[in-house]
Amino acid sequence: MKQCLLLLEEPDLDTGVRSGDIYGFMIEHYASAADFQKAYHLVQELKQRLPNASLAYYVNNTVLEQIKRSVGLDEETLATTDTPGIEEEIDEEIPEDLGF
């Protein structure tokens, strides 16, 4: 987990790994360890860092529901149904030449 936190502090992080993926990994880790307060805190950090991102794109909806129930949130606090659709553009650059 310390390595994940260090990665999130890197200024050019998103050129190699998406920060949302790191948050998603950490949120699911803490939820599986039943540390729902820490998982919720990381959800809030993710929402602050990537305000237009869909939480469900990075974290399983079941996990988000589990976090909501465990910390006593109402249904509207964590949006879990805003998964990216087929026509929604995901802001991610893919290199043209992968060297294959």
PDB file of N, CA and C in Angstrom:
ATOM      1  N   MET A   1       0.818  -1.182   0.000  1.00  0.00           N
ATOM      2  CA  MET A   1       0.000   0.000   0.000  1.00  0.00           C
ATOM      3  C   MET A   1       0.866   1.252   0.000  1.00  0.00           C
ATOM      4  N   LYS A   2       2.008   1.182   0.675  1.00  0.00           N
ATOM      5  CA  LYS A   2       2.895   2.345   0.690  1.00  0.00           C
ATOM      6  C   LYS A   2       3.364   2.686  -0.724  1.00  0.00           C
ATOM      7  N   GLN A   3       3.662   1.655  -1.510  1.00  0.00           N
ATOM      8  CA  GLN A   3       4.092   1.890  -2.890  1.00  0.00           C
ATOM      9  C   GLN A   3       2.995   2.562  -3.705  1.00  0.00           C
ATOM     10  N   CYS A   4       1.752   2.162  -3.485  1.00  0.00           N
ATOM     11  CA  CYS A   4       0.622   2.785  -4.187  1.00  0.00           C
ATOM     12  C   CYS A   4       0.523   4.255  -3.819  1.00  0.00           C
ATOM     13  N   LEU A   5       0.646   4.558  -2.535  1.00  0.00           N
ATOM     14  CA  LEU A   5       0.576   5.948  -2.094  1.00  0.00           C
ATOM     15  C   LEU A   5       1.712   6.774  -2.682  1.00  0.00           C
ATOM     16  N   LEU A   6       2.900   6.188  -2.749  1.00  0.00           N
ATOM     17  CA  LEU A   6       4.030   6.890  -3.355  1.00  0.00           C
ATOM     18  C   LEU A   6       3.799   7.136  -4.842  1.00  0.00           C
ATOM     19  N   LEU A   7       3.238   6.159  -5.519  1.00  0.00           N
ATOM     20  CA  LEU A   7       2.933   6.339  -6.940  1.00  0.00           C
ATOM     21  C   LEU A   7       1.955   7.488  -7.163  1.00  0.00           C
ATOM     22  N   LEU A   8       0.970   7.607  -6.292  1.00  0.00           N
ATOM     23  CA  LEU A   8      -0.029   8.665  -6.444  1.00  0.00           C
ATOM     24  C   LEU A   8       0.559  10.061  -6.289  1.00  0.00           C
ATOM     25  N   GLU A   9       1.719  10.155  -5.674  1.00  0.00           N
ATOM     26  CA  GLU A   9       2.386  11.446  -5.498  1.00  0.00           C
ATOM     27  C   GLU A   9       3.236  11.832  -6.702  1.00  0.00           C
ATOM     28  N   GLU A  10       3.470  10.897  -7.615  1.00  0.00           N
ATOM     29  CA  GLU A  10       4.291  11.174  -8.792  1.00  0.00           C
ATOM     30  C   GLU A  10       3.579  12.162  -9.713  1.00  0.00           C
ATOM     31  N   PRO A  11       4.294  13.200 -10.175  1.00  0.00           N
ATOM     32  CA  PRO A  11       3.651  14.204 -11.034  1.00  0.00           C
ATOM     33  C   PRO A  11       3.230  13.679 -12.410  1.00  0.00           C
ATOM     34  N   ASP A  12       3.981  12.748 -12.971  1.00  0.00           N
ATOM     35  CA  ASP A  12       3.666  12.217 -14.304  1.00  0.00           C
ATOM     36  C   ASP A  12       3.107  10.808 -14.231  1.00  0.00           C
ATOM     37  N   LEU A  13       2.378  10.514 -13.188  1.00  0.00           N
ATOM     38  CA  LEU A  13       1.872   9.171 -12.950  1.00  0.00           C
ATOM     39  C   LEU A  13       1.044   8.645 -14.109  1.00  0.00           C
ATOM     40  N   ASP A  14       0.124   9.444 -14.626  1.00  0.00           N
ATOM     41  CA  ASP A  14      -0.832   8.952 -15.604  1.00  0.00           C
ATOM     42  C   ASP A  14      -0.213   8.626 -16.962  1.00  0.00           C
ATOM     43  N   THR A  15       1.065   8.873 -17.148  1.00  0.00           N
ATOM     44  CA  THR A  15       1.697   8.456 -18.396  1.00  0.00           C
ATOM     45  C   THR A  15       2.009   6.965 -18.385  1.00  0.00           C
ATOM     46  N   GLY A  16       2.138   6.370 -17.223  1.00  0.00           N
ATOM     47  CA  GLY A  16       2.440   4.943 -17.131  1.00  0.00           C
ATOM     48  C   GLY A  16       1.307   4.114 -16.571  1.00  0.00           C
ATOM     49  N   VAL A  17       0.657   4.630 -15.555  1.00  0.00           N
ATOM     50  CA  VAL A  17      -0.432   3.938 -14.867  1.00  0.00           C
ATOM     51  C   VAL A  17      -1.494   4.980 -14.562  1.00  0.00           C
ATOM     52  N   ARG A  18      -2.755   4.612 -14.724  1.00  0.00           N
ATOM     53  CA  ARG A  18      -3.823   5.561 -14.404  1.00  0.00           C
ATOM     54  C   ARG A  18      -4.026   5.624 -12.895  1.00  0.00           C
ATOM     55  N   SER A  19      -4.094   6.836 -12.364  1.00  0.00           N
ATOM     56  CA  SER A  19      -4.260   7.005 -10.924  1.00  0.00           C
ATOM     57  C   SER A  19      -5.566   6.366 -10.443  1.00  0.00           C
ATOM     58  N   GLY A  20      -6.602   6.397 -11.260  1.00  0.00           N
ATOM     59  CA  GLY A  20      -7.869   5.774 -10.883  1.00  0.00           C
ATOM     60  C   GLY A  20      -7.735   4.284 -10.653  1.00  0.00           C
ATOM     61  N   ASP A  21      -6.875   3.627 -11.443  1.00  0.00           N
ATOM     62  CA  ASP A  21      -6.642   2.193 -11.253  1.00  0.00           C
ATOM     63  C   ASP A  21      -5.953   1.912  -9.919  1.00  0.00           C
ATOM     64  N   ILE A  22      -5.026   2.791  -9.538  1.00  0.00           N
ATOM     65  CA  ILE A  22      -4.352   2.616  -8.250  1.00  0.00           C
ATOM     66  C   ILE A  22      -5.346   2.809  -7.115  1.00  0.00           C
ATOM     67  N   TYR A  23      -6.163   3.854  -7.212  1.00  0.00           N
ATOM     68  CA  TYR A  23      -7.192   4.063  -6.197  1.00  0.00           C
ATOM     69  C   TYR A  23      -8.139   2.863  -6.135  1.00  0.00           C
ATOM     70  N   GLY A  24      -8.565   2.376  -7.302  1.00  0.00           N
ATOM     71  CA  GLY A  24      -9.462   1.232  -7.337  1.00  0.00           C
ATOM     72  C   GLY A  24      -8.871   0.022  -6.631  1.00  0.00           C
ATOM     73  N   PHE A  25      -7.600  -0.249  -6.892  1.00  0.00           N
ATOM     74  CA  PHE A  25      -6.914  -1.362  -6.239  1.00  0.00           C
ATOM     75  C   PHE A  25      -6.902  -1.180  -4.724  1.00  0.00           C
ATOM     76  N   MET A  26      -6.553   0.030  -4.290  1.00  0.00           N
ATOM     77  CA  MET A  26      -6.457   0.297  -2.857  1.00  0.00           C
ATOM     78  C   MET A  26      -7.832   0.237  -2.189  1.00  0.00           C
ATOM     79  N   ILE A  27      -8.844   0.784  -2.839  1.00  0.00           N
ATOM     80  CA  ILE A  27     -10.200   0.763  -2.275  1.00  0.00           C
ATOM     81  C   ILE A  27     -10.673  -0.679  -2.110  1.00  0.00           C
ATOM     82  N   GLU A  28     -10.484  -1.483  -3.143  1.00  0.00           N
ATOM     83  CA  GLU A  28     -10.922  -2.882  -3.052  1.00  0.00           C
ATOM     84  C   GLU A  28     -10.104  -3.654  -2.021  1.00  0.00           C
ATOM     85  N   HIS A  29      -8.833  -3.321  -1.884  1.00  0.00           N
ATOM     86  CA  HIS A  29      -8.000  -3.971  -0.863  1.00  0.00           C
ATOM     87  C   HIS A  29      -8.543  -3.693   0.540  1.00  0.00           C
ATOM     88  N   TYR A  30      -8.769  -2.414   0.834  1.00  0.00           N
ATOM     89  CA  TYR A  30      -9.247  -2.065   2.172  1.00  0.00           C
ATOM     90  C   TYR A  30     -10.655  -2.588   2.424  1.00  0.00           C
ATOM     91  N   ALA A  31     -11.489  -2.614   1.411  1.00  0.00           N
ATOM     92  CA  ALA A  31     -12.837  -3.171   1.581  1.00  0.00           C
ATOM     93  C   ALA A  31     -12.756  -4.667   1.875  1.00  0.00           C
ATOM     94  N   SER A  32     -11.867  -5.379   1.186  1.00  0.00           N
ATOM     95  CA  SER A  32     -11.743  -6.817   1.436  1.00  0.00           C
ATOM     96  C   SER A  32     -11.175  -7.105   2.823  1.00  0.00           C
ATOM     97  N   ALA A  33     -10.438  -6.146   3.375  1.00  0.00           N
ATOM     98  CA  ALA A  33      -9.897  -6.284   4.732  1.00  0.00           C
ATOM     99  C   ALA A  33     -10.875  -5.733   5.770  1.00  0.00           C
ATOM    100  N   ALA A  34     -12.088  -5.351   5.326  1.00  0.00           N
ATOM    101  CA  ALA A  34     -13.145  -4.810   6.186  1.00  0.00           C
ATOM    102  C   ALA A  34     -12.759  -3.489   6.840  1.00  0.00           C
ATOM    103  N   ASP A  35     -11.847  -2.736   6.224  1.00  0.00           N
ATOM    104  CA  ASP A  35     -11.502  -1.396   6.693  1.00  0.00           C
ATOM    105  C   ASP A  35     -12.271  -0.405   5.811  1.00  0.00           C
ATOM    106  N   PHE A  36     -13.581  -0.328   6.063  1.00  0.00           N
ATOM    107  CA  PHE A  36     -14.460   0.446   5.199  1.00  0.00           C
ATOM    108  C   PHE A  36     -14.276   1.948   5.367  1.00  0.00           C
ATOM    109  N   GLN A  37     -13.844   2.389   6.523  1.00  0.00           N
ATOM    110  CA  GLN A  37     -13.573   3.819   6.703  1.00  0.00           C
ATOM    111  C   GLN A  37     -12.414   4.253   5.803  1.00  0.00           C
ATOM    112  N   LYS A  38     -11.360   3.456   5.771  1.00  0.00           N
ATOM    113  CA  LYS A  38     -10.211   3.771   4.914  1.00  0.00           C
ATOM    114  C   LYS A  38     -10.622   3.686   3.442  1.00  0.00           C
ATOM    115  N   ALA A  39     -11.410   2.679   3.094  1.00  0.00           N
ATOM    116  CA  ALA A  39     -11.882   2.536   1.715  1.00  0.00           C
ATOM    117  C   ALA A  39     -12.719   3.755   1.324  1.00  0.00           C
ATOM    118  N   TYR A  40     -13.600   4.207   2.216  1.00  0.00           N
ATOM    119  CA  TYR A  40     -14.432   5.374   1.927  1.00  0.00           C
ATOM    120  C   TYR A  40     -13.578   6.627   1.769  1.00  0.00           C
ATOM    121  N   HIS A  41     -12.585   6.776   2.616  1.00  0.00           N
ATOM    122  CA  HIS A  41     -11.672   7.919   2.513  1.00  0.00           C
ATOM    123  C   HIS A  41     -11.001   7.937   1.137  1.00  0.00           C
ATOM    124  N   LEU A  42     -10.576   6.781   0.667  1.00  0.00           N
ATOM    125  CA  LEU A  42      -9.936   6.701  -0.649  1.00  0.00           C
ATOM    126  C   LEU A  42     -10.929   6.969  -1.778  1.00  0.00           C
ATOM    127  N   VAL A  43     -12.180   6.556  -1.609  1.00  0.00           N
ATOM    128  CA  VAL A  43     -13.217   6.880  -2.599  1.00  0.00           C
ATOM    129  C   VAL A  43     -13.342   8.395  -2.703  1.00  0.00           C
ATOM    130  N   GLN A  44     -13.350   9.076  -1.560  1.00  0.00           N
ATOM    131  CA  GLN A  44     -13.457  10.535  -1.566  1.00  0.00           C
ATOM    132  C   GLN A  44     -12.246  11.179  -2.243  1.00  0.00           C
ATOM    133  N   GLU A  45     -11.057  10.635  -1.998  1.00  0.00           N
ATOM    134  CA  GLU A  45      -9.852  11.141  -2.661  1.00  0.00           C
ATOM    135  C   GLU A  45      -9.941  10.947  -4.174  1.00  0.00           C
ATOM    136  N   LEU A  46     -10.414   9.773  -4.586  1.00  0.00           N
ATOM    137  CA  LEU A  46     -10.566   9.490  -6.017  1.00  0.00           C
ATOM    138  C   LEU A  46     -11.547  10.469  -6.651  1.00  0.00           C
ATOM    139  N   LYS A  47     -12.670  10.711  -5.982  1.00  0.00           N
ATOM    140  CA  LYS A  47     -13.668  11.643  -6.515  1.00  0.00           C
ATOM    141  C   LYS A  47     -13.111  13.063  -6.604  1.00  0.00           C
ATOM    142  N   GLN A  48     -12.253  13.425  -5.662  1.00  0.00           N
ATOM    143  CA  GLN A  48     -11.657  14.758  -5.675  1.00  0.00           C
ATOM    144  C   GLN A  48     -10.599  14.863  -6.777  1.00  0.00           C
ATOM    145  N   ARG A  49      -9.806  13.825  -6.934  1.00  0.00           N
ATOM    146  CA  ARG A  49      -8.728  13.854  -7.926  1.00  0.00           C
ATOM    147  C   ARG A  49      -9.255  13.728  -9.347  1.00  0.00           C
ATOM    148  N   LEU A  50     -10.299  12.921  -9.537  1.00  0.00           N
ATOM    149  CA  LEU A  50     -10.885  12.710 -10.855  1.00  0.00           C
ATOM    150  C   LEU A  50     -12.395  12.972 -10.771  1.00  0.00           C
ATOM    151  N   PRO A  51     -12.797  14.233 -10.666  1.00  0.00           N
ATOM    152  CA  PRO A  51     -14.202  14.542 -10.409  1.00  0.00           C
ATOM    153  C   PRO A  51     -15.172  14.094 -11.502  1.00  0.00           C
ATOM    154  N   ASN A  52     -14.722  13.957 -12.725  1.00  0.00           N
ATOM    155  CA  ASN A  52     -15.613  13.559 -13.822  1.00  0.00           C
ATOM    156  C   ASN A  52     -15.571  12.066 -14.110  1.00  0.00           C
ATOM    157  N   ALA A  53     -14.785  11.343 -13.350  1.00  0.00           N
ATOM    158  CA  ALA A  53     -14.636   9.905 -13.589  1.00  0.00           C
ATOM    159  C   ALA A  53     -15.778   9.124 -12.958  1.00  0.00           C
ATOM    160  N   SER A  54     -16.094   8.017 -13.569  1.00  0.00           N
ATOM    161  CA  SER A  54     -17.095   7.105 -13.032  1.00  0.00           C
ATOM    162  C   SER A  54     -16.429   6.194 -12.002  1.00  0.00           C
ATOM    163  N   LEU A  55     -16.952   6.199 -10.786  1.00  0.00           N
ATOM    164  CA  LEU A  55     -16.395   5.314  -9.751  1.00  0.00           C
ATOM    165  C   LEU A  55     -16.489   3.860 -10.182  1.00  0.00           C
ATOM    166  N   ALA A  56     -17.590   3.508 -10.826  1.00  0.00           N
ATOM    167  CA  ALA A  56     -17.812   2.120 -11.233  1.00  0.00           C
ATOM    168  C   ALA A  56     -16.815   1.669 -12.296  1.00  0.00           C
ATOM    169  N   TYR A  57     -16.138   2.596 -12.925  1.00  0.00           N
ATOM    170  CA  TYR A  57     -15.109   2.241 -13.903  1.00  0.00           C
ATOM    171  C   TYR A  57     -13.871   1.686 -13.193  1.00  0.00           C
ATOM    172  N   TYR A  58     -13.644   2.132 -11.970  1.00  0.00           N
ATOM    173  CA  TYR A  58     -12.445   1.737 -11.230  1.00  0.00           C
ATOM    174  C   TYR A  58     -12.709   0.764 -10.087  1.00  0.00           C
ATOM    175  N   VAL A  59     -13.935   0.773  -9.548  1.00  0.00           N
ATOM    176  CA  VAL A  59     -14.252  -0.056  -8.382  1.00  0.00           C
ATOM    177  C   VAL A  59     -15.540  -0.821  -8.657  1.00  0.00           C
ATOM    178  N   ASN A  60     -15.537  -2.080  -8.338  1.00  0.00           N
ATOM    179  CA  ASN A  60     -16.705  -2.931  -8.519  1.00  0.00           C
ATOM    180  C   ASN A  60     -17.903  -2.356  -7.768  1.00  0.00           C
ATOM    181  N   ASN A  61     -19.079  -2.357  -8.425  1.00  0.00           N
ATOM    182  CA  ASN A  61     -20.292  -1.815  -7.802  1.00  0.00           C
ATOM    183  C   ASN A  61     -20.637  -2.510  -6.488  1.00  0.00           C
ATOM    184  N   THR A  62     -20.407  -3.802  -6.405  1.00  0.00           N
ATOM    185  CA  THR A  62     -20.686  -4.533  -5.169  1.00  0.00           C
ATOM    186  C   THR A  62     -19.839  -3.997  -4.025  1.00  0.00           C
ATOM    187  N   VAL A  63     -18.591  -3.699  -4.308  1.00  0.00           N
ATOM    188  CA  VAL A  63     -17.688  -3.145  -3.291  1.00  0.00           C
ATOM    189  C   VAL A  63     -18.167  -1.759  -2.881  1.00  0.00           C
ATOM    190  N   LEU A  64     -18.568  -0.928  -3.843  1.00  0.00           N
ATOM    191  CA  LEU A  64     -19.067   0.408  -3.515  1.00  0.00           C
ATOM    192  C   LEU A  64     -20.320   0.324  -2.641  1.00  0.00           C
ATOM    193  N   GLU A  65     -21.209  -0.604  -2.956  1.00  0.00           N
ATOM    194  CA  GLU A  65     -22.413  -0.792  -2.137  1.00  0.00           C
ATOM    195  C   GLU A  65     -22.047  -1.240  -0.723  1.00  0.00           C
ATOM    196  N   GLN A  66     -21.073  -2.119  -0.622  1.00  0.00           N
ATOM    197  CA  GLN A  66     -20.621  -2.623   0.681  1.00  0.00           C
ATOM    198  C   GLN A  66     -20.042  -1.478   1.519  1.00  0.00           C
ATOM    199  N   ILE A  67     -19.274  -0.609   0.869  1.00  0.00           N
ATOM    200  CA  ILE A  67     -18.700   0.543   1.575  1.00  0.00           C
ATOM    201  C   ILE A  67     -19.816   1.460   2.060  1.00  0.00           C
ATOM    202  N   LYS A  68     -20.790   1.739   1.181  1.00  0.00           N
ATOM    203  CA  LYS A  68     -21.918   2.603   1.561  1.00  0.00           C
ATOM    204  C   LYS A  68     -22.640   2.076   2.793  1.00  0.00           C
ATOM    205  N   ARG A  69     -22.982   0.794   2.752  1.00  0.00           N
ATOM    206  CA  ARG A  69     -23.696   0.203   3.883  1.00  0.00           C
ATOM    207  C   ARG A  69     -22.868   0.248   5.157  1.00  0.00           C
ATOM    208  N   SER A  70     -21.594  -0.048   5.040  1.00  0.00           N
ATOM    209  CA  SER A  70     -20.732  -0.162   6.219  1.00  0.00           C
ATOM    210  C   SER A  70     -20.456   1.166   6.904  1.00  0.00           C
ATOM    211  N   VAL A  71     -20.425   2.249   6.139  1.00  0.00           N
ATOM    212  CA  VAL A  71     -20.162   3.551   6.766  1.00  0.00           C
ATOM    213  C   VAL A  71     -21.449   4.345   6.975  1.00  0.00           C
ATOM    214  N   GLY A  72     -22.594   3.726   6.651  1.00  0.00           N
ATOM    215  CA  GLY A  72     -23.888   4.342   6.927  1.00  0.00           C
ATOM    216  C   GLY A  72     -24.274   5.475   5.998  1.00  0.00           C
ATOM    217  N   LEU A  73     -23.929   5.362   4.726  1.00  0.00           N
ATOM    218  CA  LEU A  73     -24.258   6.408   3.759  1.00  0.00           C
ATOM    219  C   LEU A  73     -25.619   6.163   3.127  1.00  0.00           C
ATOM    220  N   ASP A  74     -26.249   7.243   2.679  1.00  0.00           N
ATOM    221  CA  ASP A  74     -27.513   7.083   1.968  1.00  0.00           C
ATOM    222  C   ASP A  74     -27.244   6.650   0.525  1.00  0.00           C
ATOM    223  N   GLU A  75     -28.295   6.351  -0.200  1.00  0.00           N
ATOM    224  CA  GLU A  75     -28.179   5.808  -1.556  1.00  0.00           C
ATOM    225  C   GLU A  75     -27.518   6.765  -2.539  1.00  0.00           C
ATOM    226  N   GLU A  76     -27.632   8.069  -2.325  1.00  0.00           N
ATOM    227  CA  GLU A  76     -27.132   9.034  -3.297  1.00  0.00           C
ATOM    228  C   GLU A  76     -25.673   9.416  -3.077  1.00  0.00           C
ATOM    229  N   THR A  77     -25.099   9.043  -1.957  1.00  0.00           N
ATOM    230  CA  THR A  77     -23.764   9.527  -1.626  1.00  0.00           C
ATOM    231  C   THR A  77     -22.688   8.999  -2.559  1.00  0.00           C
ATOM    232  N   LEU A  78     -22.695   7.735  -2.858  1.00  0.00           N
ATOM    233  CA  LEU A  78     -21.749   7.170  -3.810  1.00  0.00           C
ATOM    234  C   LEU A  78     -22.526   6.730  -5.039  1.00  0.00           C
ATOM    235  N   ALA A  79     -22.275   7.365  -6.145  1.00  0.00           N
ATOM    236  CA  ALA A  79     -22.957   6.978  -7.382  1.00  0.00           C
ATOM    237  C   ALA A  79     -22.316   5.709  -7.909  1.00  0.00           C
ATOM    238  N   THR A  80     -23.118   4.654  -8.060  1.00  0.00           N
ATOM    239  CA  THR A  80     -22.558   3.384  -8.517  1.00  0.00           C
ATOM    240  C   THR A  80     -23.084   2.978  -9.880  1.00  0.00           C
ATOM    241  N   THR A  81     -24.007   3.721 -10.440  1.00  0.00           N
ATOM    242  CA  THR A  81     -24.584   3.305 -11.715  1.00  0.00           C
ATOM    243  C   THR A  81     -24.064   4.110 -12.886  1.00  0.00           C
ATOM    244  N   ASP A  82     -23.055   4.931 -12.671  1.00  0.00           N
ATOM    245  CA  ASP A  82     -22.551   5.772 -13.753  1.00  0.00           C
ATOM    246  C   ASP A  82     -21.378   5.115 -14.483  1.00  0.00           C
ATOM    247  N   THR A  83     -21.585   3.901 -14.948  1.00  0.00           N
ATOM    248  CA  THR A  83     -20.541   3.204 -15.681  1.00  0.00           C
ATOM    249  C   THR A  83     -20.378   3.812 -17.059  1.00  0.00           C
ATOM    250  N   PRO A  84     -19.161   3.833 -17.577  1.00  0.00           N
ATOM    251  CA  PRO A  84     -18.968   4.427 -18.895  1.00  0.00           C
ATOM    252  C   PRO A  84     -19.680   3.610 -19.964  1.00  0.00           C
ATOM    253  N   GLY A  85     -20.378   4.286 -20.826  1.00  0.00           N
ATOM    254  CA  GLY A  85     -21.086   3.613 -21.906  1.00  0.00           C
ATOM    255  C   GLY A  85     -20.200   3.426 -23.116  1.00  0.00           C
ATOM    256  N   ILE A  86     -20.716   2.727 -24.103  1.00  0.00           N
ATOM    257  CA  ILE A  86     -19.953   2.461 -25.312  1.00  0.00           C
ATOM    258  C   ILE A  86     -19.586   3.754 -26.018  1.00  0.00           C
ATOM    259  N   GLU A  87     -20.504   4.713 -26.034  1.00  0.00           N
ATOM    260  CA  GLU A  87     -20.258   5.946 -26.767  1.00  0.00           C
ATOM    261  C   GLU A  87     -19.548   7.004 -25.931  1.00  0.00           C
ATOM    262  N   GLU A  88     -19.365   6.772 -24.648  1.00  0.00           N
ATOM    263  CA  GLU A  88     -18.676   7.737 -23.800  1.00  0.00           C
ATOM    264  C   GLU A  88     -17.178   7.620 -24.046  1.00  0.00           C
ATOM    265  N   GLU A  89     -16.542   8.742 -24.242  1.00  0.00           N
ATOM    266  CA  GLU A  89     -15.117   8.745 -24.497  1.00  0.00           C
ATOM    267  C   GLU A  89     -14.357   8.694 -23.183  1.00  0.00           C
ATOM    268  N   ILE A  90     -13.380   7.830 -23.124  1.00  0.00           N
ATOM    269  CA  ILE A  90     -12.526   7.721 -21.950  1.00  0.00           C
ATOM    270  C   ILE A  90     -11.228   8.419 -22.291  1.00  0.00           C
ATOM    271  N   ASP A  91     -10.842   9.383 -21.482  1.00  0.00           N
ATOM    272  CA  ASP A  91      -9.678  10.208 -21.754  1.00  0.00           C
ATOM    273  C   ASP A  91      -8.409   9.431 -21.420  1.00  0.00           C
ATOM    274  N   GLU A  92      -7.896   8.738 -22.412  1.00  0.00           N
ATOM    275  CA  GLU A  92      -6.683   7.950 -22.224  1.00  0.00           C
ATOM    276  C   GLU A  92      -5.957   7.890 -23.559  1.00  0.00           C
ATOM    277  N   GLU A  93      -4.709   8.302 -23.541  1.00  0.00           N
ATOM    278  CA  GLU A  93      -3.936   8.259 -24.770  1.00  0.00           C
ATOM    279  C   GLU A  93      -3.334   6.872 -24.942  1.00  0.00           C
ATOM    280  N   ILE A  94      -3.401   6.392 -26.180  1.00  0.00           N
ATOM    281  CA  ILE A  94      -2.799   5.103 -26.510  1.00  0.00           C
ATOM    282  C   ILE A  94      -1.721   5.381 -27.549  1.00  0.00           C
ATOM    283  N   PRO A  95      -0.492   4.956 -27.281  1.00  0.00           N
ATOM    284  CA  PRO A  95       0.581   5.227 -28.239  1.00  0.00           C
ATOM    285  C   PRO A  95       0.304   4.561 -29.578  1.00  0.00           C
ATOM    286  N   GLU A  96       0.666   5.284 -30.652  1.00  0.00           N
ATOM    287  CA  GLU A  96       0.435   4.767 -32.007  1.00  0.00           C
ATOM    288  C   GLU A  96       1.307   3.552 -32.292  1.00  0.00           C
ATOM    289  N   ASP A  97       2.600   3.644 -32.027  1.00  0.00           N
ATOM    290  CA  ASP A  97       3.528   2.573 -32.351  1.00  0.00           C
ATOM    291  C   ASP A  97       3.929   1.858 -31.072  1.00  0.00           C
ATOM    292  N   LEU A  98       3.481   0.629 -30.928  1.00  0.00           N
ATOM    293  CA  LEU A  98       3.806  -0.131 -29.730  1.00  0.00           C
ATOM    294  C   LEU A  98       5.075  -0.961 -29.889  1.00  0.00           C
ATOM    295  N   GLY A  99       5.683  -0.899 -31.083  1.00  0.00           N
ATOM    296  CA  GLY A  99       6.950  -1.575 -31.294  1.00  0.00           C
ATOM    297  C   GLY A  99       6.864  -3.073 -31.548  1.00  0.00           C
ATOM    298  N   PHE A 100       5.721  -3.549 -32.005  1.00  0.00           N
ATOM    299  CA  PHE A 100       5.583  -4.971 -32.286  1.00  0.00           C
ATOM    300  C   PHE A 100       5.984  -5.268 -33.700  1.00  0.00           C
TER     301      PHE A 100
END
